[in-house]
Amino acid sequence: YRDFTSASKPLFLLRSTKDNKYYLASDPYFLSDNPTDGDTEYVDFLGWAIPPSDADTGCFDYYALSNILAQNSIDITVPHTSENLRVRRNTLKNCD
């Protein structure tokens, strides 16, 4: 999502400075409880993701973050707390 909806969760791209791995997470404190300790690089805010139960599948297609990354061989970890979040494809279905 580009726009916030009531069920949305923020989606962040984080990098661990300890192991130099990238993570997609809805929790900005996923890698560290202290944002000033230098363990986390906040790479980008990517937009909004949504739990599957709140996805409006009548008008849009939604995809699990973990599936998108796996299908495209992208080496970014999605923590368990975020693996079921869905992202929406911007193509509007015929919703008349």
N, C-alpha and C. Protein backbone atom coordinates (compact mmCIF):
# COMPACT_ATOMS: atom_id res chain seq x y z
N TYR A 1 0.82 -1.19 0.00
CA TYR A 1 0.00 0.00 0.00
C TYR A 1 0.85 1.24 0.00
N ARG A 2 0.44 2.23 -0.72
CA ARG A 2 1.04 3.56 -0.60
C ARG A 2 0.34 4.33 0.50
N ASP A 3 -0.96 4.10 0.63
CA ASP A 3 -1.78 4.87 1.56
C ASP A 3 -2.13 4.03 2.79
N PHE A 4 -2.20 4.70 3.92
CA PHE A 4 -2.54 4.05 5.18
C PHE A 4 -4.01 3.68 5.20
N THR A 5 -4.32 2.49 5.71
CA THR A 5 -5.70 2.10 6.03
C THR A 5 -5.68 1.67 7.49
N SER A 6 -6.83 1.56 8.11
CA SER A 6 -6.89 1.31 9.55
C SER A 6 -6.21 0.01 9.99
N ALA A 7 -6.18 -1.00 9.15
CA ALA A 7 -5.56 -2.28 9.53
C ALA A 7 -4.09 -2.39 9.10
N SER A 8 -3.59 -1.37 8.44
CA SER A 8 -2.23 -1.40 7.90
C SER A 8 -1.17 -1.42 8.98
N LYS A 9 -0.04 -2.01 8.61
CA LYS A 9 1.15 -1.98 9.45
C LYS A 9 2.28 -1.41 8.60
N PRO A 10 3.18 -0.63 9.20
CA PRO A 10 4.28 -0.08 8.40
C PRO A 10 5.23 -1.19 7.96
N LEU A 11 5.86 -0.98 6.83
CA LEU A 11 6.80 -1.96 6.31
C LEU A 11 8.16 -1.29 6.14
N PHE A 12 9.15 -1.80 6.87
CA PHE A 12 10.49 -1.22 6.87
C PHE A 12 11.50 -2.19 6.27
N LEU A 13 12.47 -1.64 5.56
CA LEU A 13 13.64 -2.40 5.15
C LEU A 13 14.75 -2.04 6.13
N LEU A 14 15.20 -3.03 6.88
CA LEU A 14 16.23 -2.84 7.90
C LEU A 14 17.47 -3.63 7.51
N ARG A 15 18.63 -3.17 7.98
CA ARG A 15 19.87 -3.92 7.80
C ARG A 15 20.55 -4.09 9.14
N SER A 16 20.90 -5.31 9.46
CA SER A 16 21.63 -5.58 10.68
C SER A 16 23.10 -5.27 10.45
N THR A 17 23.67 -4.41 11.28
CA THR A 17 25.09 -4.10 11.14
C THR A 17 25.94 -5.22 11.72
N LYS A 18 25.33 -6.14 12.46
CA LYS A 18 26.07 -7.28 13.04
C LYS A 18 26.39 -8.33 11.98
N ASP A 19 25.39 -8.67 11.14
CA ASP A 19 25.61 -9.72 10.15
C ASP A 19 25.46 -9.24 8.71
N ASN A 20 25.17 -7.94 8.54
CA ASN A 20 25.03 -7.31 7.22
C ASN A 20 23.90 -7.93 6.39
N LYS A 21 22.87 -8.46 7.05
CA LYS A 21 21.71 -9.02 6.36
C LYS A 21 20.57 -8.01 6.37
N TYR A 22 19.70 -8.13 5.36
CA TYR A 22 18.54 -7.26 5.24
C TYR A 22 17.29 -7.98 5.75
N TYR A 23 16.38 -7.20 6.32
CA TYR A 23 15.15 -7.73 6.88
C TYR A 23 13.98 -6.83 6.48
N LEU A 24 12.84 -7.45 6.15
CA LEU A 24 11.58 -6.71 5.98
C LEU A 24 10.78 -6.96 7.24
N ALA A 25 10.38 -5.89 7.91
CA ALA A 25 9.66 -6.06 9.17
C ALA A 25 8.67 -4.93 9.37
N SER A 26 7.62 -5.23 10.10
CA SER A 26 6.65 -4.19 10.44
C SER A 26 7.00 -3.53 11.78
N ASP A 27 7.96 -4.09 12.48
CA ASP A 27 8.41 -3.55 13.76
C ASP A 27 9.77 -2.89 13.58
N PRO A 28 9.85 -1.56 13.74
CA PRO A 28 11.14 -0.89 13.54
C PRO A 28 12.18 -1.29 14.59
N TYR A 29 11.75 -1.91 15.68
CA TYR A 29 12.66 -2.36 16.74
C TYR A 29 12.94 -3.87 16.65
N PHE A 30 12.66 -4.48 15.52
CA PHE A 30 12.84 -5.91 15.37
C PHE A 30 14.28 -6.35 15.66
N LEU A 31 15.26 -5.61 15.19
CA LEU A 31 16.65 -6.01 15.37
C LEU A 31 17.25 -5.54 16.69
N SER A 32 16.70 -4.50 17.27
CA SER A 32 17.26 -3.96 18.50
C SER A 32 16.23 -3.12 19.24
N ASP A 33 16.20 -3.25 20.56
CA ASP A 33 15.28 -2.44 21.37
C ASP A 33 15.76 -1.00 21.52
N ASN A 34 17.01 -0.75 21.19
CA ASN A 34 17.59 0.57 21.32
C ASN A 34 18.01 1.08 19.94
N PRO A 35 17.26 2.01 19.35
CA PRO A 35 17.56 2.44 17.98
C PRO A 35 18.86 3.23 17.84
N THR A 36 19.49 3.59 18.95
CA THR A 36 20.74 4.36 18.87
C THR A 36 21.98 3.52 19.16
N ASP A 37 21.83 2.19 19.29
CA ASP A 37 22.99 1.36 19.63
C ASP A 37 23.87 0.99 18.43
N GLY A 38 23.44 1.36 17.22
CA GLY A 38 24.24 1.09 16.03
C GLY A 38 24.06 -0.29 15.44
N ASP A 39 23.17 -1.11 15.99
CA ASP A 39 22.95 -2.47 15.48
C ASP A 39 22.02 -2.51 14.27
N THR A 40 21.25 -1.44 14.07
CA THR A 40 20.25 -1.42 13.01
C THR A 40 20.44 -0.21 12.10
N GLU A 41 20.48 -0.48 10.79
CA GLU A 41 20.41 0.61 9.82
C GLU A 41 18.99 0.63 9.27
N TYR A 42 18.33 1.77 9.39
CA TYR A 42 16.99 1.92 8.85
C TYR A 42 17.13 2.35 7.39
N VAL A 43 17.02 1.40 6.49
CA VAL A 43 17.29 1.63 5.08
C VAL A 43 16.16 2.43 4.43
N ASP A 44 14.92 2.00 4.67
CA ASP A 44 13.80 2.70 4.02
C ASP A 44 12.46 2.29 4.63
N PHE A 45 11.52 3.20 4.56
CA PHE A 45 10.12 2.91 4.83
C PHE A 45 9.51 2.59 3.47
N LEU A 46 8.99 1.38 3.30
CA LEU A 46 8.53 0.92 2.00
C LEU A 46 7.05 1.15 1.73
N GLY A 47 6.31 1.46 2.77
CA GLY A 47 4.87 1.64 2.62
C GLY A 47 4.13 0.88 3.69
N TRP A 48 2.95 0.40 3.34
CA TRP A 48 2.08 -0.26 4.30
C TRP A 48 1.76 -1.67 3.84
N ALA A 49 1.68 -2.59 4.78
CA ALA A 49 1.27 -3.97 4.52
C ALA A 49 0.03 -4.25 5.37
N ILE A 50 -0.63 -5.34 5.10
CA ILE A 50 -1.91 -5.60 5.77
C ILE A 50 -2.03 -7.08 6.12
N PRO A 51 -2.64 -7.39 7.27
CA PRO A 51 -2.88 -8.81 7.59
C PRO A 51 -3.88 -9.41 6.60
N PRO A 52 -3.78 -10.71 6.31
CA PRO A 52 -4.66 -11.34 5.33
C PRO A 52 -6.14 -11.19 5.65
N SER A 53 -6.49 -11.17 6.92
CA SER A 53 -7.90 -11.08 7.30
C SER A 53 -8.52 -9.73 6.95
N ASP A 54 -7.70 -8.72 6.72
CA ASP A 54 -8.21 -7.38 6.39
C ASP A 54 -8.03 -7.01 4.93
N ALA A 55 -7.53 -7.92 4.13
CA ALA A 55 -7.31 -7.65 2.71
C ALA A 55 -8.63 -7.65 1.95
N ASP A 56 -8.86 -6.62 1.15
CA ASP A 56 -10.05 -6.52 0.31
C ASP A 56 -9.79 -7.26 -1.00
N THR A 57 -9.96 -8.57 -0.96
CA THR A 57 -9.62 -9.39 -2.12
C THR A 57 -10.64 -9.29 -3.25
N GLY A 58 -11.75 -8.62 -3.00
CA GLY A 58 -12.74 -8.44 -4.06
C GLY A 58 -12.28 -7.48 -5.14
N CYS A 59 -11.46 -6.53 -4.77
CA CYS A 59 -11.03 -5.51 -5.74
C CYS A 59 -9.54 -5.56 -6.06
N PHE A 60 -8.74 -6.18 -5.22
CA PHE A 60 -7.29 -6.18 -5.43
C PHE A 60 -6.71 -7.57 -5.21
N ASP A 61 -5.55 -7.80 -5.80
CA ASP A 61 -4.79 -9.02 -5.55
C ASP A 61 -3.76 -8.73 -4.47
N TYR A 62 -3.59 -9.65 -3.54
CA TYR A 62 -2.63 -9.49 -2.46
C TYR A 62 -1.64 -10.65 -2.49
N TYR A 63 -0.42 -10.37 -2.08
CA TYR A 63 0.64 -11.38 -2.10
C TYR A 63 1.38 -11.36 -0.78
N ALA A 64 1.73 -12.54 -0.28
CA ALA A 64 2.51 -12.64 0.95
C ALA A 64 3.93 -12.18 0.68
N LEU A 65 4.46 -11.35 1.57
CA LEU A 65 5.82 -10.85 1.41
C LEU A 65 6.83 -11.98 1.28
N SER A 66 6.71 -12.97 2.14
CA SER A 66 7.68 -14.07 2.12
C SER A 66 7.65 -14.83 0.80
N ASN A 67 6.47 -14.99 0.20
CA ASN A 67 6.36 -15.68 -1.09
C ASN A 67 7.00 -14.88 -2.22
N ILE A 68 6.78 -13.58 -2.22
CA ILE A 68 7.36 -12.73 -3.27
C ILE A 68 8.87 -12.82 -3.25
N LEU A 69 9.45 -12.72 -2.06
CA LEU A 69 10.90 -12.77 -1.94
C LEU A 69 11.45 -14.14 -2.35
N ALA A 70 10.79 -15.20 -1.93
CA ALA A 70 11.25 -16.55 -2.25
C ALA A 70 11.16 -16.83 -3.76
N GLN A 71 10.07 -16.42 -4.38
CA GLN A 71 9.88 -16.67 -5.81
C GLN A 71 10.89 -15.92 -6.67
N ASN A 72 11.37 -14.80 -6.16
CA ASN A 72 12.32 -13.98 -6.93
C ASN A 72 13.75 -14.13 -6.44
N SER A 73 14.00 -15.12 -5.59
CA SER A 73 15.33 -15.40 -5.04
C SER A 73 15.99 -14.15 -4.45
N ILE A 74 15.22 -13.37 -3.72
CA ILE A 74 15.73 -12.17 -3.07
C ILE A 74 16.14 -12.55 -1.65
N ASP A 75 17.37 -12.26 -1.30
CA ASP A 75 17.92 -12.67 -0.01
C ASP A 75 17.63 -11.62 1.06
N ILE A 76 16.37 -11.50 1.43
CA ILE A 76 15.94 -10.62 2.51
C ILE A 76 15.10 -11.46 3.46
N THR A 77 15.41 -11.40 4.74
CA THR A 77 14.69 -12.19 5.73
C THR A 77 13.40 -11.49 6.14
N VAL A 78 12.32 -12.25 6.21
CA VAL A 78 11.06 -11.75 6.73
C VAL A 78 10.83 -12.45 8.06
N PRO A 79 10.88 -11.70 9.17
CA PRO A 79 10.69 -12.35 10.48
C PRO A 79 9.30 -12.95 10.63
N HIS A 80 9.21 -13.92 11.51
CA HIS A 80 7.94 -14.62 11.74
C HIS A 80 6.79 -13.66 12.01
N THR A 81 7.05 -12.56 12.70
CA THR A 81 5.99 -11.61 13.03
C THR A 81 5.45 -10.87 11.81
N SER A 82 6.16 -10.91 10.70
CA SER A 82 5.74 -10.18 9.50
C SER A 82 5.47 -11.09 8.30
N GLU A 83 5.73 -12.40 8.42
CA GLU A 83 5.69 -13.26 7.24
C GLU A 83 4.30 -13.41 6.63
N ASN A 84 3.25 -13.22 7.41
CA ASN A 84 1.90 -13.36 6.86
C ASN A 84 1.33 -12.06 6.32
N LEU A 85 2.06 -10.96 6.47
CA LEU A 85 1.57 -9.69 5.95
C LEU A 85 1.48 -9.75 4.43
N ARG A 86 0.49 -9.06 3.90
CA ARG A 86 0.26 -9.04 2.46
C ARG A 86 0.54 -7.65 1.89
N VAL A 87 1.00 -7.65 0.66
CA VAL A 87 1.14 -6.40 -0.07
C VAL A 87 0.17 -6.44 -1.23
N ARG A 88 -0.33 -5.28 -1.58
CA ARG A 88 -1.35 -5.19 -2.62
C ARG A 88 -0.72 -4.84 -3.96
N ARG A 89 -1.19 -5.51 -4.97
CA ARG A 89 -0.82 -5.15 -6.33
C ARG A 89 -1.67 -3.96 -6.73
N ASN A 90 -1.09 -3.00 -7.38
CA ASN A 90 -1.81 -1.76 -7.69
C ASN A 90 -2.82 -1.88 -8.82
N THR A 91 -3.01 -3.07 -9.34
CA THR A 91 -3.99 -3.27 -10.40
C THR A 91 -5.37 -3.48 -9.80
N LEU A 92 -6.30 -2.62 -10.15
CA LEU A 92 -7.67 -2.72 -9.65
C LEU A 92 -8.44 -3.73 -10.50
N LYS A 93 -9.09 -4.68 -9.84
CA LYS A 93 -9.93 -5.64 -10.54
C LYS A 93 -11.23 -4.96 -10.95
N ASN A 94 -12.01 -5.63 -11.73
CA ASN A 94 -13.33 -5.10 -12.11
C ASN A 94 -14.25 -5.24 -10.91
N CYS A 95 -14.54 -4.15 -10.20
CA CYS A 95 -15.29 -4.18 -8.95
C CYS A 95 -16.65 -3.52 -9.05
N ASP A 96 -17.23 -3.52 -10.21
CA ASP A 96 -18.52 -2.85 -10.38
C ASP A 96 -19.60 -3.43 -9.54
